[in-house]
N, C-alpha and C. Protein backbone atom coordinates (compact mmCIF):
# COMPACT_ATOMS: atom_id res chain seq x y z
N LYS A 1 -19.12 -0.85 10.49
CA LYS A 1 -19.94 0.26 10.02
C LYS A 1 -19.50 0.71 8.64
N ASP A 2 -18.21 0.61 8.37
CA ASP A 2 -17.67 1.02 7.07
C ASP A 2 -16.92 -0.16 6.49
N VAL A 3 -17.49 -0.81 5.48
CA VAL A 3 -16.90 -2.04 4.93
C VAL A 3 -15.57 -1.80 4.23
N THR A 4 -15.24 -0.55 3.95
CA THR A 4 -13.94 -0.29 3.32
C THR A 4 -12.81 -0.36 4.34
N LYS A 5 -13.16 -0.34 5.62
CA LYS A 5 -12.16 -0.43 6.69
C LYS A 5 -12.10 -1.86 7.18
N HIS A 6 -11.26 -2.64 6.52
CA HIS A 6 -11.10 -4.04 6.89
C HIS A 6 -9.66 -4.45 6.62
N ALA A 7 -9.29 -5.59 7.13
CA ALA A 7 -7.96 -6.14 6.87
C ALA A 7 -8.14 -7.61 6.53
N THR A 8 -7.23 -8.12 5.72
CA THR A 8 -7.26 -9.51 5.32
C THR A 8 -5.93 -10.17 5.67
N ILE A 9 -5.85 -11.46 5.49
CA ILE A 9 -4.68 -12.25 5.87
C ILE A 9 -3.42 -11.96 5.06
N PRO A 10 -3.48 -11.78 3.73
CA PRO A 10 -2.25 -11.68 2.95
C PRO A 10 -1.38 -10.47 3.27
N PHE A 11 -0.05 -10.69 3.26
CA PHE A 11 0.87 -9.56 3.28
C PHE A 11 0.68 -8.84 1.96
N LYS A 12 0.60 -7.50 2.00
CA LYS A 12 0.24 -6.73 0.82
C LYS A 12 1.41 -6.23 -0.01
N ALA A 13 2.55 -5.95 0.61
CA ALA A 13 3.66 -5.35 -0.13
C ALA A 13 4.98 -5.63 0.57
N ALA A 14 6.04 -5.47 -0.18
CA ALA A 14 7.38 -5.60 0.40
C ALA A 14 7.66 -4.40 1.30
N GLY A 15 8.49 -4.62 2.31
CA GLY A 15 8.90 -3.53 3.19
C GLY A 15 7.97 -3.23 4.34
N GLU A 16 6.95 -4.04 4.53
CA GLU A 16 6.05 -3.81 5.66
C GLU A 16 6.60 -4.47 6.92
N ALA A 17 6.41 -3.83 8.05
CA ALA A 17 6.82 -4.41 9.33
C ALA A 17 5.87 -5.54 9.69
N ILE A 18 6.43 -6.58 10.28
CA ILE A 18 5.62 -7.69 10.79
C ILE A 18 5.70 -7.63 12.31
N ILE A 19 4.54 -7.49 12.93
CA ILE A 19 4.46 -7.33 14.38
C ILE A 19 3.49 -8.37 14.93
N VAL A 20 3.87 -8.97 16.06
CA VAL A 20 2.95 -9.88 16.73
C VAL A 20 2.39 -9.14 17.94
N ILE A 21 1.07 -9.15 18.04
CA ILE A 21 0.35 -8.54 19.16
C ILE A 21 -0.01 -9.68 20.11
N GLY A 22 0.27 -9.51 21.40
CA GLY A 22 -0.03 -10.55 22.38
C GLY A 22 1.25 -11.27 22.80
N GLU A 23 1.09 -12.17 23.76
CA GLU A 23 2.24 -12.88 24.34
C GLU A 23 2.26 -14.34 23.95
N THR A 24 3.46 -14.83 23.65
CA THR A 24 3.66 -16.26 23.40
C THR A 24 4.02 -16.90 24.73
N LYS A 25 3.17 -17.79 25.19
CA LYS A 25 3.39 -18.40 26.50
C LYS A 25 3.78 -19.86 26.44
N GLY A 26 3.93 -20.39 25.25
CA GLY A 26 4.46 -21.74 25.13
C GLY A 26 3.48 -22.87 25.28
N HIS A 27 2.23 -22.66 24.94
CA HIS A 27 1.24 -23.73 25.06
C HIS A 27 1.22 -24.61 23.82
N LEU A 28 1.54 -25.89 24.00
CA LEU A 28 1.48 -26.84 22.90
C LEU A 28 0.38 -27.88 23.08
N GLY A 29 -0.26 -27.92 24.24
CA GLY A 29 -1.31 -28.90 24.49
C GLY A 29 -2.41 -28.80 23.45
N GLN A 30 -2.81 -29.93 22.87
CA GLN A 30 -3.85 -30.03 21.86
C GLN A 30 -3.53 -29.21 20.60
N SER A 31 -2.28 -28.88 20.38
CA SER A 31 -1.90 -28.07 19.23
C SER A 31 -1.77 -28.91 17.96
N ILE A 32 -1.80 -28.22 16.85
CA ILE A 32 -1.59 -28.89 15.55
C ILE A 32 -0.18 -29.48 15.51
N TYR A 33 0.81 -28.77 16.04
CA TYR A 33 2.18 -29.27 16.07
C TYR A 33 2.23 -30.61 16.81
N LEU A 34 1.65 -30.65 17.97
CA LEU A 34 1.67 -31.87 18.78
C LEU A 34 0.99 -33.02 18.03
N ARG A 35 -0.14 -32.73 17.40
CA ARG A 35 -0.89 -33.77 16.69
C ARG A 35 -0.21 -34.20 15.40
N GLU A 36 0.15 -33.25 14.54
CA GLU A 36 0.64 -33.58 13.20
C GLU A 36 2.12 -33.95 13.17
N ILE A 37 2.94 -33.33 13.99
CA ILE A 37 4.38 -33.60 13.95
C ILE A 37 4.76 -34.72 14.92
N LEU A 38 4.21 -34.67 16.12
CA LEU A 38 4.58 -35.66 17.13
C LEU A 38 3.59 -36.82 17.24
N GLY A 39 2.47 -36.71 16.55
CA GLY A 39 1.48 -37.79 16.56
C GLY A 39 0.81 -38.01 17.90
N ARG A 40 0.66 -36.93 18.67
CA ARG A 40 0.04 -37.06 19.99
C ARG A 40 -1.10 -36.05 20.14
N GLU A 41 -2.12 -36.49 20.84
CA GLU A 41 -3.22 -35.58 21.20
C GLU A 41 -3.32 -35.63 22.71
N GLU A 42 -2.73 -34.63 23.34
CA GLU A 42 -2.70 -34.63 24.80
C GLU A 42 -2.54 -33.21 25.32
N GLY A 43 -2.71 -33.09 26.62
CA GLY A 43 -2.55 -31.80 27.27
C GLY A 43 -3.79 -30.94 27.13
N ALA A 44 -3.81 -29.93 27.95
CA ALA A 44 -4.93 -28.97 27.91
C ALA A 44 -4.68 -27.94 26.82
N PRO A 45 -5.74 -27.48 26.17
CA PRO A 45 -5.56 -26.39 25.22
C PRO A 45 -5.13 -25.14 25.98
N PRO A 46 -4.62 -24.14 25.28
CA PRO A 46 -4.17 -22.93 25.97
C PRO A 46 -5.31 -22.25 26.72
N PRO A 47 -5.03 -21.79 27.92
CA PRO A 47 -6.07 -21.06 28.65
C PRO A 47 -6.35 -19.72 27.99
N VAL A 48 -7.58 -19.26 28.12
CA VAL A 48 -7.98 -17.97 27.54
C VAL A 48 -8.37 -17.05 28.69
N ASP A 49 -7.70 -15.92 28.77
CA ASP A 49 -8.05 -14.88 29.72
C ASP A 49 -8.97 -13.93 28.97
N LEU A 50 -10.26 -13.93 29.32
CA LEU A 50 -11.24 -13.16 28.55
C LEU A 50 -10.97 -11.66 28.58
N LYS A 51 -10.39 -11.17 29.66
CA LYS A 51 -10.05 -9.74 29.74
C LYS A 51 -8.98 -9.39 28.70
N ILE A 52 -7.96 -10.23 28.63
CA ILE A 52 -6.88 -10.01 27.65
C ILE A 52 -7.40 -10.20 26.24
N GLU A 53 -8.22 -11.22 26.04
CA GLU A 53 -8.80 -11.47 24.72
C GLU A 53 -9.58 -10.26 24.24
N ARG A 54 -10.39 -9.69 25.11
CA ARG A 54 -11.18 -8.51 24.74
C ARG A 54 -10.29 -7.31 24.48
N ARG A 55 -9.31 -7.08 25.37
CA ARG A 55 -8.39 -5.94 25.18
C ARG A 55 -7.68 -6.04 23.85
N ASN A 56 -7.10 -7.22 23.57
CA ASN A 56 -6.36 -7.38 22.32
C ASN A 56 -7.29 -7.31 21.11
N GLY A 57 -8.48 -7.89 21.23
CA GLY A 57 -9.45 -7.82 20.13
C GLY A 57 -9.88 -6.39 19.84
N ASP A 58 -10.15 -5.63 20.89
CA ASP A 58 -10.52 -4.22 20.72
C ASP A 58 -9.37 -3.45 20.08
N PHE A 59 -8.15 -3.75 20.52
CA PHE A 59 -6.97 -3.08 19.98
C PHE A 59 -6.81 -3.38 18.48
N ILE A 60 -6.94 -4.64 18.11
CA ILE A 60 -6.81 -5.03 16.71
C ILE A 60 -7.91 -4.36 15.88
N ARG A 61 -9.12 -4.34 16.40
CA ARG A 61 -10.22 -3.68 15.69
C ARG A 61 -9.90 -2.19 15.47
N GLU A 62 -9.33 -1.55 16.48
CA GLU A 62 -8.94 -0.14 16.34
C GLU A 62 -7.84 0.03 15.29
N LEU A 63 -6.87 -0.89 15.28
CA LEU A 63 -5.80 -0.82 14.28
C LEU A 63 -6.38 -0.95 12.86
N ILE A 64 -7.36 -1.83 12.71
CA ILE A 64 -7.97 -2.04 11.39
C ILE A 64 -8.76 -0.81 10.97
N THR A 65 -9.65 -0.32 11.83
CA THR A 65 -10.52 0.79 11.43
C THR A 65 -9.74 2.10 11.25
N SER A 66 -8.60 2.23 11.93
CA SER A 66 -7.80 3.44 11.78
C SER A 66 -6.82 3.34 10.61
N GLY A 67 -6.76 2.18 9.97
CA GLY A 67 -5.87 2.01 8.82
C GLY A 67 -4.42 1.77 9.17
N HIS A 68 -4.14 1.43 10.41
CA HIS A 68 -2.75 1.19 10.83
C HIS A 68 -2.17 -0.11 10.27
N VAL A 69 -3.01 -1.09 9.97
CA VAL A 69 -2.50 -2.39 9.53
C VAL A 69 -3.03 -2.74 8.14
N THR A 70 -2.22 -3.49 7.42
CA THR A 70 -2.60 -3.93 6.08
C THR A 70 -2.97 -5.40 6.05
N ALA A 71 -2.48 -6.15 7.03
CA ALA A 71 -2.75 -7.59 7.10
C ALA A 71 -2.95 -7.97 8.56
N VAL A 72 -3.84 -8.93 8.80
CA VAL A 72 -4.12 -9.41 10.16
C VAL A 72 -4.37 -10.92 10.08
N HIS A 73 -3.68 -11.66 10.95
CA HIS A 73 -3.91 -13.11 11.00
C HIS A 73 -3.69 -13.60 12.44
N ASP A 74 -4.69 -14.32 12.96
CA ASP A 74 -4.56 -14.85 14.32
C ASP A 74 -3.57 -16.02 14.33
N CYS A 75 -3.06 -16.33 15.51
CA CYS A 75 -2.06 -17.40 15.68
C CYS A 75 -2.65 -18.64 16.34
N SER A 76 -3.96 -18.76 16.33
CA SER A 76 -4.61 -19.83 17.10
C SER A 76 -4.52 -21.20 16.47
N ASP A 77 -4.37 -21.29 15.18
CA ASP A 77 -4.41 -22.58 14.50
C ASP A 77 -3.05 -22.89 13.88
N GLY A 78 -2.13 -23.38 14.70
CA GLY A 78 -0.80 -23.72 14.21
C GLY A 78 0.30 -22.83 14.75
N GLY A 79 -0.07 -21.73 15.38
CA GLY A 79 0.93 -20.86 15.98
C GLY A 79 1.46 -19.79 15.05
N LEU A 80 2.50 -19.12 15.53
CA LEU A 80 3.10 -17.99 14.84
C LEU A 80 3.64 -18.37 13.47
N ALA A 81 4.36 -19.48 13.37
CA ALA A 81 4.95 -19.88 12.09
C ALA A 81 3.89 -20.07 11.03
N ILE A 82 2.79 -20.72 11.37
CA ILE A 82 1.74 -20.99 10.39
C ILE A 82 1.05 -19.69 9.99
N ALA A 83 0.79 -18.80 10.93
CA ALA A 83 0.17 -17.52 10.58
C ALA A 83 1.05 -16.74 9.61
N LEU A 84 2.34 -16.70 9.86
CA LEU A 84 3.26 -15.99 8.99
C LEU A 84 3.30 -16.60 7.58
N VAL A 85 3.40 -17.92 7.54
CA VAL A 85 3.49 -18.62 6.25
C VAL A 85 2.19 -18.45 5.46
N GLU A 86 1.05 -18.57 6.11
CA GLU A 86 -0.22 -18.39 5.39
C GLU A 86 -0.34 -16.98 4.83
N SER A 87 0.10 -15.98 5.58
CA SER A 87 0.05 -14.60 5.09
C SER A 87 0.98 -14.41 3.89
N ALA A 88 2.14 -15.07 3.93
CA ALA A 88 3.09 -15.00 2.81
C ALA A 88 2.53 -15.68 1.57
N ILE A 89 1.99 -16.88 1.74
CA ILE A 89 1.43 -17.62 0.60
C ILE A 89 0.29 -16.84 -0.04
N GLU A 90 -0.63 -16.35 0.78
CA GLU A 90 -1.80 -15.63 0.27
C GLU A 90 -1.41 -14.34 -0.45
N GLY A 91 -0.38 -13.65 0.05
CA GLY A 91 0.01 -12.38 -0.55
C GLY A 91 1.12 -12.47 -1.58
N GLY A 92 1.82 -13.62 -1.61
CA GLY A 92 2.93 -13.76 -2.54
C GLY A 92 4.16 -12.97 -2.14
N HIS A 93 4.22 -12.54 -0.88
CA HIS A 93 5.37 -11.79 -0.39
C HIS A 93 6.07 -12.60 0.70
N GLY A 94 7.36 -12.82 0.52
CA GLY A 94 8.13 -13.50 1.54
C GLY A 94 8.38 -12.58 2.72
N PHE A 95 9.22 -13.05 3.63
CA PHE A 95 9.54 -12.25 4.81
C PHE A 95 10.82 -12.75 5.44
N ALA A 96 11.38 -11.92 6.29
CA ALA A 96 12.50 -12.31 7.13
C ALA A 96 12.14 -11.90 8.55
N VAL A 97 12.14 -12.87 9.46
CA VAL A 97 11.80 -12.59 10.84
C VAL A 97 12.83 -13.19 11.78
N SER A 98 12.90 -12.63 12.95
CA SER A 98 13.72 -13.17 14.02
C SER A 98 12.80 -13.36 15.21
N ILE A 99 12.72 -14.58 15.68
CA ILE A 99 11.83 -14.90 16.79
C ILE A 99 12.66 -14.85 18.08
N GLY A 100 12.76 -13.67 18.64
CA GLY A 100 13.50 -13.52 19.89
C GLY A 100 12.68 -14.06 21.04
N SER A 101 13.10 -15.20 21.57
CA SER A 101 12.31 -15.83 22.63
C SER A 101 13.22 -16.70 23.49
N ASP A 102 12.87 -16.79 24.75
CA ASP A 102 13.57 -17.71 25.65
C ASP A 102 13.02 -19.13 25.53
N LEU A 103 11.94 -19.27 24.79
CA LEU A 103 11.32 -20.59 24.59
C LEU A 103 12.12 -21.39 23.57
N PRO A 104 12.07 -22.71 23.64
CA PRO A 104 12.68 -23.52 22.58
C PRO A 104 12.06 -23.12 21.23
N ALA A 105 12.83 -23.23 20.16
CA ALA A 105 12.39 -22.77 18.84
C ALA A 105 11.05 -23.37 18.43
N HIS A 106 10.88 -24.68 18.60
CA HIS A 106 9.62 -25.31 18.17
C HIS A 106 8.43 -24.78 18.97
N VAL A 107 8.64 -24.42 20.21
CA VAL A 107 7.56 -23.88 21.04
C VAL A 107 7.25 -22.45 20.61
N ALA A 108 8.29 -21.63 20.39
CA ALA A 108 8.07 -20.25 19.95
C ALA A 108 7.34 -20.20 18.61
N LEU A 109 7.66 -21.14 17.72
CA LEU A 109 7.06 -21.14 16.39
C LEU A 109 5.64 -21.70 16.35
N PHE A 110 5.36 -22.74 17.15
CA PHE A 110 4.10 -23.46 17.00
C PHE A 110 3.16 -23.41 18.20
N SER A 111 3.53 -22.67 19.24
CA SER A 111 2.64 -22.50 20.38
C SER A 111 1.34 -21.84 19.92
N GLU A 112 0.24 -22.33 20.45
CA GLU A 112 -1.06 -21.76 20.11
C GLU A 112 -1.60 -20.93 21.27
N SER A 113 -0.69 -20.21 21.94
CA SER A 113 -1.10 -19.32 23.03
C SER A 113 -2.23 -18.41 22.55
N ALA A 114 -3.18 -18.18 23.43
CA ALA A 114 -4.37 -17.40 23.09
C ALA A 114 -4.07 -15.91 22.91
N SER A 115 -4.96 -15.24 22.23
CA SER A 115 -5.00 -13.77 22.13
C SER A 115 -3.80 -13.19 21.39
N ARG A 116 -3.29 -13.90 20.38
CA ARG A 116 -2.16 -13.39 19.59
C ARG A 116 -2.56 -13.22 18.13
N VAL A 117 -2.04 -12.15 17.55
CA VAL A 117 -2.34 -11.81 16.16
C VAL A 117 -1.07 -11.26 15.51
N VAL A 118 -0.82 -11.69 14.28
CA VAL A 118 0.26 -11.13 13.47
C VAL A 118 -0.34 -10.04 12.60
N VAL A 119 0.33 -8.89 12.52
CA VAL A 119 -0.14 -7.81 11.66
C VAL A 119 0.98 -7.35 10.74
N GLY A 120 0.58 -6.90 9.56
CA GLY A 120 1.49 -6.24 8.63
C GLY A 120 1.22 -4.75 8.71
N VAL A 121 2.30 -3.96 8.74
CA VAL A 121 2.17 -2.52 8.92
C VAL A 121 3.01 -1.80 7.87
N ALA A 122 2.38 -0.91 7.11
CA ALA A 122 3.11 -0.11 6.13
C ALA A 122 4.14 0.75 6.86
N PRO A 123 5.31 0.98 6.22
CA PRO A 123 6.39 1.73 6.89
C PRO A 123 5.95 3.07 7.47
N GLU A 124 5.10 3.79 6.76
CA GLU A 124 4.68 5.11 7.23
C GLU A 124 3.72 5.05 8.43
N ARG A 125 3.22 3.87 8.76
CA ARG A 125 2.29 3.70 9.88
C ARG A 125 2.94 3.05 11.10
N GLU A 126 4.15 2.53 10.94
CA GLU A 126 4.76 1.76 12.02
C GLU A 126 4.99 2.59 13.28
N ARG A 127 5.50 3.78 13.15
CA ARG A 127 5.77 4.61 14.32
C ARG A 127 4.50 4.89 15.12
N ALA A 128 3.42 5.22 14.42
CA ALA A 128 2.15 5.49 15.10
C ALA A 128 1.65 4.25 15.82
N LEU A 129 1.82 3.08 15.20
CA LEU A 129 1.39 1.84 15.84
C LEU A 129 2.21 1.58 17.10
N VAL A 130 3.52 1.79 17.02
CA VAL A 130 4.38 1.58 18.19
C VAL A 130 3.99 2.52 19.33
N GLU A 131 3.69 3.75 19.00
CA GLU A 131 3.25 4.72 20.02
C GLU A 131 1.93 4.29 20.66
N LEU A 132 1.02 3.79 19.85
CA LEU A 132 -0.27 3.32 20.36
C LEU A 132 -0.08 2.11 21.26
N VAL A 133 0.77 1.17 20.86
CA VAL A 133 1.09 0.00 21.68
C VAL A 133 1.62 0.45 23.04
N GLY A 134 2.55 1.40 23.03
CA GLY A 134 3.13 1.90 24.27
C GLY A 134 2.11 2.59 25.16
N ALA A 135 1.25 3.39 24.56
CA ALA A 135 0.25 4.13 25.33
C ALA A 135 -0.78 3.21 25.98
N LEU A 136 -1.12 2.12 25.28
CA LEU A 136 -2.16 1.23 25.79
C LEU A 136 -1.60 0.04 26.56
N GLY A 137 -0.30 -0.17 26.50
CA GLY A 137 0.31 -1.28 27.24
C GLY A 137 -0.02 -2.66 26.69
N VAL A 138 -0.33 -2.73 25.41
CA VAL A 138 -0.61 -4.02 24.78
C VAL A 138 0.72 -4.66 24.40
N PRO A 139 0.96 -5.91 24.77
CA PRO A 139 2.22 -6.55 24.40
C PRO A 139 2.34 -6.69 22.88
N ALA A 140 3.47 -6.29 22.35
CA ALA A 140 3.72 -6.39 20.91
C ALA A 140 5.22 -6.47 20.68
N ALA A 141 5.59 -7.15 19.60
CA ALA A 141 7.00 -7.27 19.26
C ALA A 141 7.16 -7.24 17.74
N ARG A 142 8.12 -6.46 17.27
CA ARG A 142 8.44 -6.42 15.84
C ARG A 142 9.28 -7.66 15.54
N LEU A 143 8.83 -8.45 14.57
CA LEU A 143 9.52 -9.68 14.22
C LEU A 143 10.44 -9.50 13.02
N GLY A 144 10.09 -8.63 12.10
CA GLY A 144 10.88 -8.44 10.89
C GLY A 144 10.06 -7.70 9.87
N GLU A 145 10.29 -8.03 8.57
CA GLU A 145 9.52 -7.36 7.54
C GLU A 145 9.32 -8.24 6.32
N THR A 146 8.36 -7.80 5.52
CA THR A 146 8.00 -8.53 4.31
C THR A 146 8.93 -8.15 3.17
N GLY A 147 8.98 -9.04 2.16
CA GLY A 147 9.72 -8.72 0.95
C GLY A 147 10.45 -9.90 0.36
N GLY A 148 10.51 -9.92 -0.94
CA GLY A 148 11.26 -10.94 -1.65
C GLY A 148 10.55 -12.28 -1.74
N PRO A 149 11.17 -13.23 -2.44
CA PRO A 149 10.55 -14.54 -2.64
C PRO A 149 10.83 -15.54 -1.51
N ARG A 150 11.69 -15.18 -0.57
CA ARG A 150 12.11 -16.12 0.45
C ARG A 150 11.34 -15.93 1.75
N VAL A 151 11.24 -17.02 2.51
CA VAL A 151 10.68 -17.03 3.85
C VAL A 151 11.83 -17.41 4.77
N VAL A 152 12.24 -16.47 5.62
CA VAL A 152 13.43 -16.66 6.45
C VAL A 152 13.06 -16.54 7.92
N PHE A 153 13.27 -17.62 8.65
CA PHE A 153 13.15 -17.62 10.10
C PHE A 153 14.59 -17.62 10.60
N ASP A 154 15.10 -16.43 10.91
CA ASP A 154 16.51 -16.22 11.21
C ASP A 154 17.06 -17.25 12.19
N GLY A 155 18.12 -17.91 11.77
CA GLY A 155 18.79 -18.87 12.62
C GLY A 155 18.09 -20.21 12.75
N MET A 156 16.95 -20.37 12.08
CA MET A 156 16.19 -21.61 12.21
C MET A 156 16.10 -22.34 10.87
N PHE A 157 15.51 -21.68 9.88
CA PHE A 157 15.38 -22.28 8.55
C PHE A 157 14.92 -21.23 7.57
N GLU A 158 15.05 -21.56 6.28
CA GLU A 158 14.50 -20.70 5.24
C GLU A 158 14.10 -21.54 4.04
N THR A 159 13.18 -20.99 3.27
CA THR A 159 12.66 -21.64 2.07
C THR A 159 12.10 -20.54 1.18
N THR A 160 11.27 -20.90 0.23
CA THR A 160 10.66 -19.88 -0.63
C THR A 160 9.14 -19.92 -0.50
N VAL A 161 8.53 -18.81 -0.84
CA VAL A 161 7.07 -18.75 -0.85
C VAL A 161 6.54 -19.75 -1.87
N ALA A 162 7.21 -19.87 -3.01
CA ALA A 162 6.77 -20.81 -4.05
C ALA A 162 6.77 -22.25 -3.55
N GLU A 163 7.81 -22.64 -2.84
CA GLU A 163 7.88 -24.00 -2.31
C GLU A 163 6.77 -24.25 -1.29
N LEU A 164 6.57 -23.30 -0.40
CA LEU A 164 5.51 -23.44 0.61
C LEU A 164 4.13 -23.47 -0.05
N SER A 165 3.94 -22.66 -1.06
CA SER A 165 2.67 -22.63 -1.76
C SER A 165 2.39 -23.97 -2.45
N GLU A 166 3.41 -24.54 -3.08
CA GLU A 166 3.25 -25.83 -3.75
C GLU A 166 2.89 -26.92 -2.75
N ILE A 167 3.56 -26.94 -1.61
CA ILE A 167 3.25 -27.92 -0.57
C ILE A 167 1.82 -27.74 -0.08
N HIS A 168 1.43 -26.51 0.14
CA HIS A 168 0.09 -26.19 0.63
C HIS A 168 -0.98 -26.61 -0.38
N GLU A 169 -0.78 -26.27 -1.63
CA GLU A 169 -1.78 -26.53 -2.67
C GLU A 169 -1.92 -28.01 -3.03
N THR A 170 -0.87 -28.80 -2.84
CA THR A 170 -0.93 -30.20 -3.24
C THR A 170 -1.11 -31.18 -2.08
N ALA A 171 -1.23 -30.69 -0.88
CA ALA A 171 -1.32 -31.56 0.30
C ALA A 171 -2.53 -32.48 0.25
N ILE A 172 -3.70 -31.96 0.01
CA ILE A 172 -4.91 -32.79 0.02
C ILE A 172 -4.91 -33.81 -1.12
N PRO A 173 -4.60 -33.39 -2.36
CA PRO A 173 -4.53 -34.42 -3.41
C PRO A 173 -3.52 -35.54 -3.09
N ARG A 174 -2.37 -35.18 -2.51
CA ARG A 174 -1.40 -36.21 -2.14
C ARG A 174 -1.95 -37.16 -1.10
N LEU A 175 -2.66 -36.61 -0.10
CA LEU A 175 -3.26 -37.45 0.94
C LEU A 175 -4.32 -38.39 0.37
N LEU A 176 -4.98 -37.95 -0.68
CA LEU A 176 -6.03 -38.75 -1.31
C LEU A 176 -5.47 -39.68 -2.38
N GLY A 177 -4.14 -39.65 -2.58
CA GLY A 177 -3.52 -40.52 -3.56
C GLY A 177 -3.74 -40.09 -4.99
N GLU A 178 -4.06 -38.81 -5.18
CA GLU A 178 -4.30 -38.30 -6.53
C GLU A 178 -3.01 -37.74 -7.10
N ALA A 179 -2.89 -37.78 -8.41
CA ALA A 179 -1.72 -37.20 -9.08
C ALA A 179 -1.77 -35.68 -8.91
N VAL A 180 -0.61 -35.10 -8.70
CA VAL A 180 -0.54 -33.64 -8.55
C VAL A 180 0.30 -33.02 -9.64
């Protein structure tokens, strides 16, 4: 109804909280990770619970229209790691996150579990968002925050936004055998 109330993929500023809405359940079947890294196309795609999908979608829409979030990116195409990296590349802001999970690292990073969204939250809005999450019982976890030129997955790996951007921007020309 109001086009000024929207959110986009890029992280907007340093110091914003990075929160994942929804649960990571470890689904790798038919995932990009399975296909591109392991060279396999197998397994069932992640199941979708329409009730949870609607609840989380309504919640995200409320966060956007109320101005609680500055960035929003779903985790359906490549998982949490890809959503985070795409938001960093698009916004030019690095991040430091800790993926607290009982799942193996590759599963936590690349699972395409349904109904998950990464959001960026300005510091002055984080407390209100946490209270809203608690009141509504929507699963959410603070992963870290934006800032600086580096992309840090605590205890796993780190690189720079510039390096990731270069890889992203030159991938298709390299595949086509063109000079980059």
